[in-house]
Amino acid sequence: MSDDQVVLRPVAEDDLRVLERFLTDPEAAGLFAWQGWSDPGRLRRMWAENGLFDTEGGRLLVTCGADRVGFVSWRKILTSRTSSCWNLGIALLPEARGRGFGTRAQRLAVEYLFAHTQAARVEAVTEITNVAEQRALEKAGFTREGVLRGYAFRNGRWRDAVIYSVLRDEVHLADDATP
């Protein structure tokens, strides 16, 4: 399947088992996303409460054709007392990685956020050794801004990260920018 078949859509109850894999299966989460065992029931509770959307962030399922391949998520980051931006994340199942789906999904998520929120900036952070994600972000239109030293704790030690961003003025939005 090609990356132009990648679509974002709201998470349905039947999709929760796919998202729960990232919390219960280290291989599904992958080297850079595995943070240890986590409460998979948390997602079901959040989904029941708000469908995984609220004013502070959200999640959309990434599909390619009929296949559920992962999800994108975003959360609000306060940048000053009166402004904020979105921090974007992605998780793809092992069988979907390295096929261009992440680039396409992140591009669609950026277009969605700029079309439906007032944010002027979307940022993404990844570990400095996650070269594949850095390439995907650059292909999706993000600009590398710098290194964040000692940014995230994973697998017993603090890791450096790289921050990327894309600004509203850098993205052309179609009149019907839907995922």
C-alpha atoms as a PDB file:
ATOM      1  CA  MET A   1       0.000   0.000   0.000  1.00  0.00           C
ATOM      2  CA  SER A   2       1.149   3.518  -0.665  1.00  0.00           C
ATOM      3  CA  ASP A   3       1.335   6.396   1.753  1.00  0.00           C
ATOM      4  CA  ASP A   4      -1.381   8.285  -0.155  1.00  0.00           C
ATOM      5  CA  GLN A   5      -3.859   5.744   1.261  1.00  0.00           C
ATOM      6  CA  VAL A   6      -3.037   6.905   4.797  1.00  0.00           C
ATOM      7  CA  VAL A   7      -6.054   8.417   6.540  1.00  0.00           C
ATOM      8  CA  LEU A   8      -6.622   9.805  10.027  1.00  0.00           C
ATOM      9  CA  ARG A   9      -9.933   9.177  11.748  1.00  0.00           C
ATOM     10  CA  PRO A  10     -11.424   9.300  15.236  1.00  0.00           C
ATOM     11  CA  VAL A  11     -10.752   6.265  17.414  1.00  0.00           C
ATOM     12  CA  ALA A  12     -13.704   3.881  17.646  1.00  0.00           C
ATOM     13  CA  GLU A  13     -14.186   1.560  20.606  1.00  0.00           C
ATOM     14  CA  ASP A  14     -13.063  -1.421  18.500  1.00  0.00           C
ATOM     15  CA  ASP A  15      -9.774   0.420  17.769  1.00  0.00           C
ATOM     16  CA  LEU A  16      -8.790   0.639  21.434  1.00  0.00           C
ATOM     17  CA  ARG A  17      -7.150  -2.802  21.367  1.00  0.00           C
ATOM     18  CA  VAL A  18      -4.672  -1.478  18.776  1.00  0.00           C
ATOM     19  CA  LEU A  19      -3.790   1.524  20.957  1.00  0.00           C
ATOM     20  CA  GLU A  20      -3.528  -0.689  24.051  1.00  0.00           C
ATOM     21  CA  ARG A  21      -0.771  -2.703  22.345  1.00  0.00           C
ATOM     22  CA  PHE A  22       1.521   0.319  22.682  1.00  0.00           C
ATOM     23  CA  LEU A  23       1.011   0.222  26.475  1.00  0.00           C
ATOM     24  CA  THR A  24       1.358  -3.528  26.978  1.00  0.00           C
ATOM     25  CA  ASP A  25       3.754  -4.771  24.276  1.00  0.00           C
ATOM     26  CA  PRO A  26       7.341  -3.430  24.246  1.00  0.00           C
ATOM     27  CA  GLU A  27       7.834  -4.607  20.651  1.00  0.00           C
ATOM     28  CA  ALA A  28       4.728  -2.772  19.446  1.00  0.00           C
ATOM     29  CA  ALA A  29       5.783   0.415  21.243  1.00  0.00           C
ATOM     30  CA  GLY A  30       9.298   0.224  19.867  1.00  0.00           C
ATOM     31  CA  LEU A  31      12.649   1.189  21.295  1.00  0.00           C
ATOM     32  CA  PHE A  32      11.983   4.920  21.598  1.00  0.00           C
ATOM     33  CA  ALA A  33       8.391   4.812  22.882  1.00  0.00           C
ATOM     34  CA  TRP A  34       8.466   1.989  25.436  1.00  0.00           C
ATOM     35  CA  GLN A  35       8.214   3.597  28.881  1.00  0.00           C
ATOM     36  CA  GLY A  36       7.484   0.458  30.888  1.00  0.00           C
ATOM     37  CA  TRP A  37       4.181  -1.193  31.683  1.00  0.00           C
ATOM     38  CA  SER A  38       1.234   1.143  31.800  1.00  0.00           C
ATOM     39  CA  ASP A  39      -2.463   0.960  32.618  1.00  0.00           C
ATOM     40  CA  PRO A  40      -4.204  -0.051  29.368  1.00  0.00           C
ATOM     41  CA  GLY A  41      -7.570   0.595  30.995  1.00  0.00           C
ATOM     42  CA  ARG A  42      -6.700   4.295  31.093  1.00  0.00           C
ATOM     43  CA  LEU A  43      -7.362   4.594  27.344  1.00  0.00           C
ATOM     44  CA  ARG A  44     -10.795   2.950  27.648  1.00  0.00           C
ATOM     45  CA  ARG A  45     -11.724   5.317  30.477  1.00  0.00           C
ATOM     46  CA  MET A  46     -10.562   8.340  28.480  1.00  0.00           C
ATOM     47  CA  TRP A  47     -12.371   7.117  25.369  1.00  0.00           C
ATOM     48  CA  ALA A  48     -15.594   6.616  27.348  1.00  0.00           C
ATOM     49  CA  GLU A  49     -15.259  10.106  28.834  1.00  0.00           C
ATOM     50  CA  ASN A  50     -14.415  12.144  25.736  1.00  0.00           C
ATOM     51  CA  GLY A  51     -13.587   9.938  22.721  1.00  0.00           C
ATOM     52  CA  LEU A  52      -9.882  10.813  23.221  1.00  0.00           C
ATOM     53  CA  PHE A  53     -10.499  14.497  22.392  1.00  0.00           C
ATOM     54  CA  ASP A  54     -10.611  17.540  24.634  1.00  0.00           C
ATOM     55  CA  THR A  55      -9.312  21.107  24.612  1.00  0.00           C
ATOM     56  CA  GLU A  56      -5.909  19.951  25.874  1.00  0.00           C
ATOM     57  CA  GLY A  57      -5.204  17.361  23.166  1.00  0.00           C
ATOM     58  CA  GLY A  58      -6.387  14.341  21.295  1.00  0.00           C
ATOM     59  CA  ARG A  59      -5.688  11.157  19.372  1.00  0.00           C
ATOM     60  CA  LEU A  60      -6.588  10.019  15.874  1.00  0.00           C
ATOM     61  CA  LEU A  61      -6.176   6.541  14.459  1.00  0.00           C
ATOM     62  CA  VAL A  62      -3.810   6.146  11.494  1.00  0.00           C
ATOM     63  CA  THR A  63      -5.144   3.772   8.852  1.00  0.00           C
ATOM     64  CA  CYS A  64      -3.859   2.629   5.494  1.00  0.00           C
ATOM     65  CA  GLY A  65      -6.668   1.105   3.509  1.00  0.00           C
ATOM     66  CA  ALA A  66      -8.490  -1.195   5.924  1.00  0.00           C
ATOM     67  CA  ASP A  67      -5.407  -1.649   8.139  1.00  0.00           C
ATOM     68  CA  ARG A  68      -5.083   0.123  11.484  1.00  0.00           C
ATOM     69  CA  VAL A  69      -1.394   1.020  11.627  1.00  0.00           C
ATOM     70  CA  GLY A  70      -1.040   3.361  14.629  1.00  0.00           C
ATOM     71  CA  PHE A  71      -2.110   6.725  15.975  1.00  0.00           C
ATOM     72  CA  VAL A  72      -1.140  10.374  16.140  1.00  0.00           C
ATOM     73  CA  SER A  73      -1.630  12.397  19.292  1.00  0.00           C
ATOM     74  CA  TRP A  74      -1.232  16.008  20.298  1.00  0.00           C
ATOM     75  CA  ARG A  75      -1.228  17.931  23.526  1.00  0.00           C
ATOM     76  CA  LYS A  76      -1.332  21.591  24.369  1.00  0.00           C
ATOM     77  CA  ILE A  77       1.927  23.226  25.450  1.00  0.00           C
ATOM     78  CA  LEU A  78       1.682  26.639  27.104  1.00  0.00           C
ATOM     79  CA  THR A  79       4.198  28.997  25.537  1.00  0.00           C
ATOM     80  CA  SER A  80       3.207  32.057  27.570  1.00  0.00           C
ATOM     81  CA  ARG A  81       0.388  33.179  29.785  1.00  0.00           C
ATOM     82  CA  THR A  82      -1.761  33.914  26.715  1.00  0.00           C
ATOM     83  CA  SER A  83      -0.535  31.496  24.048  1.00  0.00           C
ATOM     84  CA  SER A  84       0.066  27.843  23.359  1.00  0.00           C
ATOM     85  CA  CYS A  85       1.115  25.422  20.654  1.00  0.00           C
ATOM     86  CA  TRP A  86       0.560  21.735  19.953  1.00  0.00           C
ATOM     87  CA  ASN A  87       3.116  19.009  20.617  1.00  0.00           C
ATOM     88  CA  LEU A  88       2.592  16.186  18.117  1.00  0.00           C
ATOM     89  CA  GLY A  89       3.465  12.523  18.617  1.00  0.00           C
ATOM     90  CA  ILE A  90       3.054   9.362  16.599  1.00  0.00           C
ATOM     91  CA  ALA A  91       3.179   5.629  17.225  1.00  0.00           C
ATOM     92  CA  LEU A  92       3.117   3.079  14.422  1.00  0.00           C
ATOM     93  CA  LEU A  93       2.933  -0.685  14.711  1.00  0.00           C
ATOM     94  CA  PRO A  94       6.170  -2.476  13.776  1.00  0.00           C
ATOM     95  CA  GLU A  95       4.772  -3.735  10.459  1.00  0.00           C
ATOM     96  CA  ALA A  96       3.929  -0.166   9.392  1.00  0.00           C
ATOM     97  CA  ARG A  97       7.280   1.458  10.164  1.00  0.00           C
ATOM     98  CA  GLY A  98       9.661   2.493   7.412  1.00  0.00           C
ATOM     99  CA  ARG A  99       6.952   2.674   4.731  1.00  0.00           C
ATOM    100  CA  GLY A 100       6.273   6.433   4.668  1.00  0.00           C
ATOM    101  CA  PHE A 101       3.050   6.166   6.683  1.00  0.00           C
ATOM    102  CA  GLY A 102       4.467   8.233   9.558  1.00  0.00           C
ATOM    103  CA  THR A 103       5.453  11.114   7.305  1.00  0.00           C
ATOM    104  CA  ARG A 104       2.015  11.204   5.701  1.00  0.00           C
ATOM    105  CA  ALA A 105       0.165  10.839   9.027  1.00  0.00           C
ATOM    106  CA  GLN A 106       2.130  13.659  10.645  1.00  0.00           C
ATOM    107  CA  ARG A 107       1.536  15.921   7.639  1.00  0.00           C
ATOM    108  CA  LEU A 108      -2.214  15.191   7.829  1.00  0.00           C
ATOM    109  CA  ALA A 109      -2.237  15.839  11.583  1.00  0.00           C
ATOM    110  CA  VAL A 110      -0.529  19.214  11.112  1.00  0.00           C
ATOM    111  CA  GLU A 111      -3.032  20.194   8.422  1.00  0.00           C
ATOM    112  CA  TYR A 112      -5.902  19.103  10.670  1.00  0.00           C
ATOM    113  CA  LEU A 113      -4.613  21.075  13.680  1.00  0.00           C
ATOM    114  CA  PHE A 114      -4.044  24.253  11.661  1.00  0.00           C
ATOM    115  CA  ALA A 115      -7.456  23.934   9.984  1.00  0.00           C
ATOM    116  CA  HIS A 116      -9.399  23.381  13.198  1.00  0.00           C
ATOM    117  CA  THR A 117      -7.508  25.251  15.913  1.00  0.00           C
ATOM    118  CA  GLN A 118      -5.986  28.704  16.222  1.00  0.00           C
ATOM    119  CA  ALA A 119      -2.482  27.416  16.937  1.00  0.00           C
ATOM    120  CA  ALA A 120       0.344  29.047  15.026  1.00  0.00           C
ATOM    121  CA  ARG A 121       2.887  26.302  15.818  1.00  0.00           C
ATOM    122  CA  VAL A 122       3.050  22.525  15.984  1.00  0.00           C
ATOM    123  CA  GLU A 123       6.165  21.007  17.488  1.00  0.00           C
ATOM    124  CA  ALA A 124       7.506  17.489  17.827  1.00  0.00           C
ATOM    125  CA  VAL A 125      10.300  16.091  19.974  1.00  0.00           C
ATOM    126  CA  THR A 126      12.179  12.847  19.400  1.00  0.00           C
ATOM    127  CA  GLU A 127      15.268  11.228  20.852  1.00  0.00           C
ATOM    128  CA  ILE A 128      18.471  12.320  19.202  1.00  0.00           C
ATOM    129  CA  THR A 129      19.200   8.741  18.123  1.00  0.00           C
ATOM    130  CA  ASN A 130      15.773   8.270  16.476  1.00  0.00           C
ATOM    131  CA  VAL A 131      17.031   9.150  13.012  1.00  0.00           C
ATOM    132  CA  ALA A 132      14.051   7.573  11.218  1.00  0.00           C
ATOM    133  CA  GLU A 133      11.598   9.855  13.028  1.00  0.00           C
ATOM    134  CA  GLN A 134      13.801  12.880  12.370  1.00  0.00           C
ATOM    135  CA  ARG A 135      13.723  12.072   8.631  1.00  0.00           C
ATOM    136  CA  ALA A 136       9.937  11.589   8.746  1.00  0.00           C
ATOM    137  CA  LEU A 137       9.440  14.957  10.470  1.00  0.00           C
ATOM    138  CA  GLU A 138      11.637  16.741   7.940  1.00  0.00           C
ATOM    139  CA  LYS A 139       9.753  15.115   5.042  1.00  0.00           C
ATOM    140  CA  ALA A 140       6.493  16.180   6.704  1.00  0.00           C
ATOM    141  CA  GLY A 141       7.637  19.825   6.612  1.00  0.00           C
ATOM    142  CA  PHE A 142       9.069  20.272  10.115  1.00  0.00           C
ATOM    143  CA  THR A 143      12.242  22.291  10.742  1.00  0.00           C
ATOM    144  CA  ARG A 144      14.882  21.117  13.187  1.00  0.00           C
ATOM    145  CA  GLU A 145      15.331  23.755  15.893  1.00  0.00           C
ATOM    146  CA  GLY A 146      17.868  22.288  18.261  1.00  0.00           C
ATOM    147  CA  VAL A 147      18.961  19.727  20.818  1.00  0.00           C
ATOM    148  CA  LEU A 148      17.310  19.383  24.221  1.00  0.00           C
ATOM    149  CA  ARG A 149      19.895  17.927  26.595  1.00  0.00           C
ATOM    150  CA  GLY A 150      18.796  15.405  29.226  1.00  0.00           C
ATOM    151  CA  TYR A 151      15.201  15.758  28.054  1.00  0.00           C
ATOM    152  CA  ALA A 152      13.575  12.361  28.576  1.00  0.00           C
ATOM    153  CA  PHE A 153      14.125   9.429  30.908  1.00  0.00           C
ATOM    154  CA  ARG A 154      13.975   6.009  29.218  1.00  0.00           C
ATOM    155  CA  ASN A 155      15.431   2.630  30.095  1.00  0.00           C
ATOM    156  CA  GLY A 156      17.358   3.795  33.144  1.00  0.00           C
ATOM    157  CA  ARG A 157      18.964   6.967  31.830  1.00  0.00           C
ATOM    158  CA  TRP A 158      18.298  10.494  30.631  1.00  0.00           C
ATOM    159  CA  ARG A 159      18.291  10.957  26.840  1.00  0.00           C
ATOM    160  CA  ASP A 160      18.939  13.957  24.657  1.00  0.00           C
ATOM    161  CA  ALA A 161      16.221  14.919  22.194  1.00  0.00           C
ATOM    162  CA  VAL A 162      15.757  17.020  19.091  1.00  0.00           C
ATOM    163  CA  ILE A 163      12.931  19.519  18.745  1.00  0.00           C
ATOM    164  CA  TYR A 164      11.228  20.254  15.435  1.00  0.00           C
ATOM    165  CA  SER A 165       8.450  22.666  14.516  1.00  0.00           C
ATOM    166  CA  VAL A 166       6.222  23.761  11.682  1.00  0.00           C
ATOM    167  CA  LEU A 167       4.441  27.102  11.613  1.00  0.00           C
ATOM    168  CA  ARG A 168       0.975  27.843  10.277  1.00  0.00           C
ATOM    169  CA  ASP A 169       2.415  30.147   7.577  1.00  0.00           C
ATOM    170  CA  GLU A 170       4.540  27.266   6.265  1.00  0.00           C
ATOM    171  CA  VAL A 171       1.590  24.984   5.523  1.00  0.00           C
ATOM    172  CA  HIS A 172      -0.800  25.344   2.623  1.00  0.00           C
ATOM    173  CA  LEU A 173      -4.290  24.361   3.744  1.00  0.00           C
ATOM    174  CA  ALA A 174      -6.878  23.167   1.277  1.00  0.00           C
ATOM    175  CA  ASP A 175     -10.360  24.658   1.650  1.00  0.00           C
ATOM    176  CA  ASP A 176     -11.523  21.324   3.077  1.00  0.00           C
ATOM    177  CA  ALA A 177      -8.567  20.274   5.258  1.00  0.00           C
ATOM    178  CA  THR A 178      -9.930  17.128   6.839  1.00  0.00           C
ATOM    179  CA  PRO A 179      -7.840  14.062   7.629  1.00  0.00           C
END
